[in-house]
Amino acid sequence: MNILINDTPLVLPDNATLADALMAKGIKPGGIATAVNGTVIPSAKRVSHHLCEGDKVVIIKAFYGG
């Protein structure tokens, strides 16, 4: 299936989860927020949230500074 992560295309197997997508991109699960098609997915639900063809995933990394 084809999805977008922060507007970058990614091909995943059917029935992949949000956690699978993060792993495929080499993104560590800590210190980030995730949303799929505009809906926030809490970190505890990433392993059970199955993605669908055309989903748009947004990943925001927390950082400190001022």
PDB file of N, CA and C in Angstrom:
ATOM      1  N   MET A   1       0.841  -1.174   0.000  1.00  0.00           N
ATOM      2  CA  MET A   1       0.000   0.000   0.000  1.00  0.00           C
ATOM      3  C   MET A   1       0.885   1.234   0.000  1.00  0.00           C
ATOM      4  N   ASN A   2       0.371   2.309  -0.527  1.00  0.00           N
ATOM      5  CA  ASN A   2       1.082   3.583  -0.608  1.00  0.00           C
ATOM      6  C   ASN A   2       0.493   4.559   0.393  1.00  0.00           C
ATOM      7  N   ILE A   3       1.373   5.147   1.216  1.00  0.00           N
ATOM      8  CA  ILE A   3       0.962   6.178   2.157  1.00  0.00           C
ATOM      9  C   ILE A   3       1.917   7.353   2.019  1.00  0.00           C
ATOM     10  N   LEU A   4       1.630   8.422   2.732  1.00  0.00           N
ATOM     11  CA  LEU A   4       2.526   9.570   2.818  1.00  0.00           C
ATOM     12  C   LEU A   4       2.895   9.786   4.276  1.00  0.00           C
ATOM     13  N   ILE A   5       4.185   9.982   4.541  1.00  0.00           N
ATOM     14  CA  ILE A   5       4.635  10.379   5.870  1.00  0.00           C
ATOM     15  C   ILE A   5       5.296  11.736   5.721  1.00  0.00           C
ATOM     16  N   ASN A   6       4.682  12.740   6.324  1.00  0.00           N
ATOM     17  CA  ASN A   6       5.150  14.124   6.184  1.00  0.00           C
ATOM     18  C   ASN A   6       5.393  14.458   4.713  1.00  0.00           C
ATOM     19  N   ASP A   7       4.438  14.094   3.881  1.00  0.00           N
ATOM     20  CA  ASP A   7       4.430  14.359   2.436  1.00  0.00           C
ATOM     21  C   ASP A   7       5.490  13.579   1.647  1.00  0.00           C
ATOM     22  N   THR A   8       6.104  12.563   2.265  1.00  0.00           N
ATOM     23  CA  THR A   8       7.069  11.703   1.577  1.00  0.00           C
ATOM     24  C   THR A   8       6.426  10.344   1.344  1.00  0.00           C
ATOM     25  N   PRO A   9       6.395   9.860   0.109  1.00  0.00           N
ATOM     26  CA  PRO A   9       5.762   8.570  -0.175  1.00  0.00           C
ATOM     27  C   PRO A   9       6.488   7.413   0.509  1.00  0.00           C
ATOM     28  N   LEU A  10       5.703   6.429   0.927  1.00  0.00           N
ATOM     29  CA  LEU A  10       6.244   5.210   1.528  1.00  0.00           C
ATOM     30  C   LEU A  10       5.348   4.050   1.115  1.00  0.00           C
ATOM     31  N   VAL A  11       5.977   2.950   0.694  1.00  0.00           N
ATOM     32  CA  VAL A  11       5.235   1.741   0.331  1.00  0.00           C
ATOM     33  C   VAL A  11       5.371   0.750   1.477  1.00  0.00           C
ATOM     34  N   LEU A  12       4.236   0.259   1.965  1.00  0.00           N
ATOM     35  CA  LEU A  12       4.191  -0.696   3.063  1.00  0.00           C
ATOM     36  C   LEU A  12       3.356  -1.901   2.654  1.00  0.00           C
ATOM     37  N   PRO A  13       3.556  -3.037   3.332  1.00  0.00           N
ATOM     38  CA  PRO A  13       2.685  -4.180   3.063  1.00  0.00           C
ATOM     39  C   PRO A  13       1.257  -3.881   3.511  1.00  0.00           C
ATOM     40  N   ASP A  14       0.295  -4.544   2.893  1.00  0.00           N
ATOM     41  CA  ASP A  14      -1.090  -4.402   3.340  1.00  0.00           C
ATOM     42  C   ASP A  14      -1.183  -4.785   4.809  1.00  0.00           C
ATOM     43  N   ASN A  15      -2.098  -4.141   5.515  1.00  0.00           N
ATOM     44  CA  ASN A  15      -2.363  -4.407   6.930  1.00  0.00           C
ATOM     45  C   ASN A  15      -1.256  -3.902   7.861  1.00  0.00           C
ATOM     46  N   ALA A  16      -0.374  -3.029   7.354  1.00  0.00           N
ATOM     47  CA  ALA A  16       0.683  -2.461   8.195  1.00  0.00           C
ATOM     48  C   ALA A  16       0.077  -1.506   9.213  1.00  0.00           C
ATOM     49  N   THR A  17       0.757  -1.375  10.345  1.00  0.00           N
ATOM     50  CA  THR A  17       0.306  -0.471  11.397  1.00  0.00           C
ATOM     51  C   THR A  17       1.133   0.816  11.368  1.00  0.00           C
ATOM     52  N   LEU A  18       0.695   1.770  12.150  1.00  0.00           N
ATOM     53  CA  LEU A  18       1.449   3.014  12.276  1.00  0.00           C
ATOM     54  C   LEU A  18       2.839   2.722  12.851  1.00  0.00           C
ATOM     55  N   ALA A  19       2.928   1.807  13.798  1.00  0.00           N
ATOM     56  CA  ALA A  19       4.229   1.422  14.356  1.00  0.00           C
ATOM     57  C   ALA A  19       5.130   0.825  13.268  1.00  0.00           C
ATOM     58  N   ASP A  20       4.561   0.034  12.365  1.00  0.00           N
ATOM     59  CA  ASP A  20       5.328  -0.534  11.248  1.00  0.00           C
ATOM     60  C   ASP A  20       5.892   0.578  10.359  1.00  0.00           C
ATOM     61  N   ALA A  21       5.078   1.597  10.111  1.00  0.00           N
ATOM     62  CA  ALA A  21       5.520   2.709   9.265  1.00  0.00           C
ATOM     63  C   ALA A  21       6.674   3.458   9.916  1.00  0.00           C
ATOM     64  N   LEU A  22       6.582   3.693  11.223  1.00  0.00           N
ATOM     65  CA  LEU A  22       7.669   4.375  11.926  1.00  0.00           C
ATOM     66  C   LEU A  22       8.944   3.554  11.846  1.00  0.00           C
ATOM     67  N   MET A  23       8.834   2.244  12.044  1.00  0.00           N
ATOM     68  CA  MET A  23       9.999   1.375  11.988  1.00  0.00           C
ATOM     69  C   MET A  23      10.597   1.372  10.581  1.00  0.00           C
ATOM     70  N   ALA A  24       9.756   1.343   9.559  1.00  0.00           N
ATOM     71  CA  ALA A  24      10.237   1.331   8.172  1.00  0.00           C
ATOM     72  C   ALA A  24      11.027   2.599   7.840  1.00  0.00           C
ATOM     73  N   LYS A  25      10.655   3.692   8.451  1.00  0.00           N
ATOM     74  CA  LYS A  25      11.351   4.964   8.222  1.00  0.00           C
ATOM     75  C   LYS A  25      12.509   5.181   9.187  1.00  0.00           C
ATOM     76  N   GLY A  26      12.699   4.261  10.154  1.00  0.00           N
ATOM     77  CA  GLY A  26      13.779   4.405  11.122  1.00  0.00           C
ATOM     78  C   GLY A  26      13.527   5.494  12.141  1.00  0.00           C
ATOM     79  N   ILE A  27      12.259   5.740  12.435  1.00  0.00           N
ATOM     80  CA  ILE A  27      11.885   6.794  13.377  1.00  0.00           C
ATOM     81  C   ILE A  27      11.662   6.172  14.751  1.00  0.00           C
ATOM     82  N   LYS A  28      12.396   6.652  15.730  1.00  0.00           N
ATOM     83  CA  LYS A  28      12.222   6.161  17.098  1.00  0.00           C
ATOM     84  C   LYS A  28      10.892   6.668  17.652  1.00  0.00           C
ATOM     85  N   PRO A  29      10.164   5.811  18.371  1.00  0.00           N
ATOM     86  CA  PRO A  29       8.808   6.169  18.804  1.00  0.00           C
ATOM     87  C   PRO A  29       8.735   7.176  19.943  1.00  0.00           C
ATOM     88  N   GLY A  30       9.840   7.436  20.633  1.00  0.00           N
ATOM     89  CA  GLY A  30       9.797   8.375  21.752  1.00  0.00           C
ATOM     90  C   GLY A  30       9.950   9.817  21.310  1.00  0.00           C
ATOM     91  N   GLY A  31       9.290  10.718  22.014  1.00  0.00           N
ATOM     92  CA  GLY A  31       9.433  12.145  21.759  1.00  0.00           C
ATOM     93  C   GLY A  31       8.778  12.652  20.496  1.00  0.00           C
ATOM     94  N   ILE A  32       7.803  11.898  19.990  1.00  0.00           N
ATOM     95  CA  ILE A  32       7.095  12.329  18.786  1.00  0.00           C
ATOM     96  C   ILE A  32       5.586  12.296  19.020  1.00  0.00           C
ATOM     97  N   ALA A  33       4.877  13.036  18.207  1.00  0.00           N
ATOM     98  CA  ALA A  33       3.414  12.965  18.147  1.00  0.00           C
ATOM     99  C   ALA A  33       3.060  12.499  16.746  1.00  0.00           C
ATOM    100  N   THR A  34       1.994  11.701  16.646  1.00  0.00           N
ATOM    101  CA  THR A  34       1.588  11.176  15.343  1.00  0.00           C
ATOM    102  C   THR A  34       0.115  11.449  15.090  1.00  0.00           C
ATOM    103  N   ALA A  35      -0.193  11.681  13.823  1.00  0.00           N
ATOM    104  CA  ALA A  35      -1.577  11.849  13.390  1.00  0.00           C
ATOM    105  C   ALA A  35      -1.741  11.146  12.049  1.00  0.00           C
ATOM    106  N   VAL A  36      -2.910  10.575  11.837  1.00  0.00           N
ATOM    107  CA  VAL A  36      -3.243   9.936  10.567  1.00  0.00           C
ATOM    108  C   VAL A  36      -4.509  10.610  10.047  1.00  0.00           C
ATOM    109  N   ASN A  37      -4.394  11.190   8.859  1.00  0.00           N
ATOM    110  CA  ASN A  37      -5.522  11.894   8.237  1.00  0.00           C
ATOM    111  C   ASN A  37      -6.134  12.933   9.175  1.00  0.00           C
ATOM    112  N   GLY A  38      -5.264  13.615   9.934  1.00  0.00           N
ATOM    113  CA  GLY A  38      -5.717  14.694  10.799  1.00  0.00           C
ATOM    114  C   GLY A  38      -6.184  14.267  12.181  1.00  0.00           C
ATOM    115  N   THR A  39      -6.159  12.977  12.492  1.00  0.00           N
ATOM    116  CA  THR A  39      -6.574  12.483  13.801  1.00  0.00           C
ATOM    117  C   THR A  39      -5.346  12.040  14.579  1.00  0.00           C
ATOM    118  N   VAL A  40      -5.165  12.584  15.773  1.00  0.00           N
ATOM    119  CA  VAL A  40      -4.021  12.229  16.603  1.00  0.00           C
ATOM    120  C   VAL A  40      -4.146  10.771  17.039  1.00  0.00           C
ATOM    121  N   ILE A  41      -3.039  10.035  16.905  1.00  0.00           N
ATOM    122  CA  ILE A  41      -2.974   8.640  17.340  1.00  0.00           C
ATOM    123  C   ILE A  41      -2.008   8.588  18.519  1.00  0.00           C
ATOM    124  N   PRO A  42      -2.513   8.304  19.728  1.00  0.00           N
ATOM    125  CA  PRO A  42      -1.634   8.229  20.897  1.00  0.00           C
ATOM    126  C   PRO A  42      -0.592   7.120  20.736  1.00  0.00           C
ATOM    127  N   SER A  43       0.535   7.282  21.394  1.00  0.00           N
ATOM    128  CA  SER A  43       1.621   6.313  21.250  1.00  0.00           C
ATOM    129  C   SER A  43       1.189   4.897  21.605  1.00  0.00           C
ATOM    130  N   ALA A  44       0.326   4.734  22.573  1.00  0.00           N
ATOM    131  CA  ALA A  44      -0.125   3.393  22.974  1.00  0.00           C
ATOM    132  C   ALA A  44      -0.964   2.706  21.897  1.00  0.00           C
ATOM    133  N   LYS A  45      -1.505   3.466  20.958  1.00  0.00           N
ATOM    134  CA  LYS A  45      -2.367   2.886  19.919  1.00  0.00           C
ATOM    135  C   LYS A  45      -1.665   2.708  18.572  1.00  0.00           C
ATOM    136  N   ARG A  46      -0.402   3.080  18.481  1.00  0.00           N
ATOM    137  CA  ARG A  46       0.321   2.974  17.205  1.00  0.00           C
ATOM    138  C   ARG A  46       0.457   1.534  16.728  1.00  0.00           C
ATOM    139  N   VAL A  47       0.617   0.585  17.660  1.00  0.00           N
ATOM    140  CA  VAL A  47       0.788  -0.820  17.269  1.00  0.00           C
ATOM    141  C   VAL A  47      -0.514  -1.447  16.797  1.00  0.00           C
ATOM    142  N   SER A  48      -1.644  -0.860  17.163  1.00  0.00           N
ATOM    143  CA  SER A  48      -2.933  -1.432  16.768  1.00  0.00           C
ATOM    144  C   SER A  48      -3.652  -0.614  15.699  1.00  0.00           C
ATOM    145  N   HIS A  49      -3.088   0.542  15.336  1.00  0.00           N
ATOM    146  CA  HIS A  49      -3.728   1.391  14.317  1.00  0.00           C
ATOM    147  C   HIS A  49      -3.259   0.952  12.928  1.00  0.00           C
ATOM    148  N   HIS A  50      -4.129   0.272  12.209  1.00  0.00           N
ATOM    149  CA  HIS A  50      -3.799  -0.202  10.863  1.00  0.00           C
ATOM    150  C   HIS A  50      -3.996   0.918   9.852  1.00  0.00           C
ATOM    151  N   LEU A  51      -3.045   1.026   8.957  1.00  0.00           N
ATOM    152  CA  LEU A  51      -3.089   2.051   7.922  1.00  0.00           C
ATOM    153  C   LEU A  51      -3.824   1.540   6.693  1.00  0.00           C
ATOM    154  N   CYS A  52      -4.305   2.476   5.898  1.00  0.00           N
ATOM    155  CA  CYS A  52      -5.021   2.158   4.665  1.00  0.00           C
ATOM    156  C   CYS A  52      -4.349   2.879   3.498  1.00  0.00           C
ATOM    157  N   GLU A  53      -4.581   2.366   2.307  1.00  0.00           N
ATOM    158  CA  GLU A  53      -4.073   2.976   1.076  1.00  0.00           C
ATOM    159  C   GLU A  53      -4.390   4.467   1.072  1.00  0.00           C
ATOM    160  N   GLY A  54      -3.359   5.286   0.825  1.00  0.00           N
ATOM    161  CA  GLY A  54      -3.555   6.725   0.697  1.00  0.00           C
ATOM    162  C   GLY A  54      -3.552   7.504   1.998  1.00  0.00           C
ATOM    163  N   ASP A  55      -3.372   6.819   3.144  1.00  0.00           N
ATOM    164  CA  ASP A  55      -3.342   7.544   4.414  1.00  0.00           C
ATOM    165  C   ASP A  55      -2.225   8.568   4.424  1.00  0.00           C
ATOM    166  N   LYS A  56      -2.475   9.674   5.132  1.00  0.00           N
ATOM    167  CA  LYS A  56      -1.487  10.732   5.291  1.00  0.00           C
ATOM    168  C   LYS A  56      -1.091  10.798   6.759  1.00  0.00           C
ATOM    169  N   VAL A  57       0.159  10.449   7.015  1.00  0.00           N
ATOM    170  CA  VAL A  57       0.689  10.422   8.369  1.00  0.00           C
ATOM    171  C   VAL A  57       1.528  11.673   8.591  1.00  0.00           C
ATOM    172  N   VAL A  58       1.306  12.313   9.736  1.00  0.00           N
ATOM    173  CA  VAL A  58       2.116  13.463  10.122  1.00  0.00           C
ATOM    174  C   VAL A  58       2.829  13.101  11.412  1.00  0.00           C
ATOM    175  N   ILE A  59       4.128  13.355  11.423  1.00  0.00           N
ATOM    176  CA  ILE A  59       4.953  13.086  12.597  1.00  0.00           C
ATOM    177  C   ILE A  59       5.577  14.410  13.021  1.00  0.00           C
ATOM    178  N   ILE A  60       5.408  14.733  14.289  1.00  0.00           N
ATOM    179  CA  ILE A  60       5.979  15.961  14.839  1.00  0.00           C
ATOM    180  C   ILE A  60       6.923  15.569  15.966  1.00  0.00           C
ATOM    181  N   LYS A  61       8.160  16.028  15.874  1.00  0.00           N
ATOM    182  CA  LYS A  61       9.163  15.720  16.894  1.00  0.00           C
ATOM    183  C   LYS A  61       9.232  16.876  17.878  1.00  0.00           C
ATOM    184  N   ALA A  62       9.186  16.526  19.146  1.00  0.00           N
ATOM    185  CA  ALA A  62       9.303  17.546  20.198  1.00  0.00           C
ATOM    186  C   ALA A  62      10.769  17.986  20.284  1.00  0.00           C
ATOM    187  N   PHE A  63      10.970  19.271  20.544  1.00  0.00           N
ATOM    188  CA  PHE A  63      12.325  19.768  20.754  1.00  0.00           C
ATOM    189  C   PHE A  63      12.277  20.899  21.752  1.00  0.00           C
ATOM    190  N   TYR A  64      13.424  21.165  22.336  1.00  0.00           N
ATOM    191  CA  TYR A  64      13.528  22.210  23.343  1.00  0.00           C
ATOM    192  C   TYR A  64      14.308  23.368  22.761  1.00  0.00           C
ATOM    193  N   GLY A  65      14.052  24.534  23.295  1.00  0.00           N
ATOM    194  CA  GLY A  65      14.794  25.706  22.859  1.00  0.00           C
ATOM    195  C   GLY A  65      13.948  26.939  23.029  1.00  0.00           C
ATOM    196  N   GLY A  66      14.481  28.013  22.643  1.00  0.00           N
ATOM    197  CA  GLY A  66      13.712  29.216  22.803  1.00  0.00           C
ATOM    198  C   GLY A  66      14.197  30.234  21.899  1.00  0.00           C
TER     199      GLY A  66
END
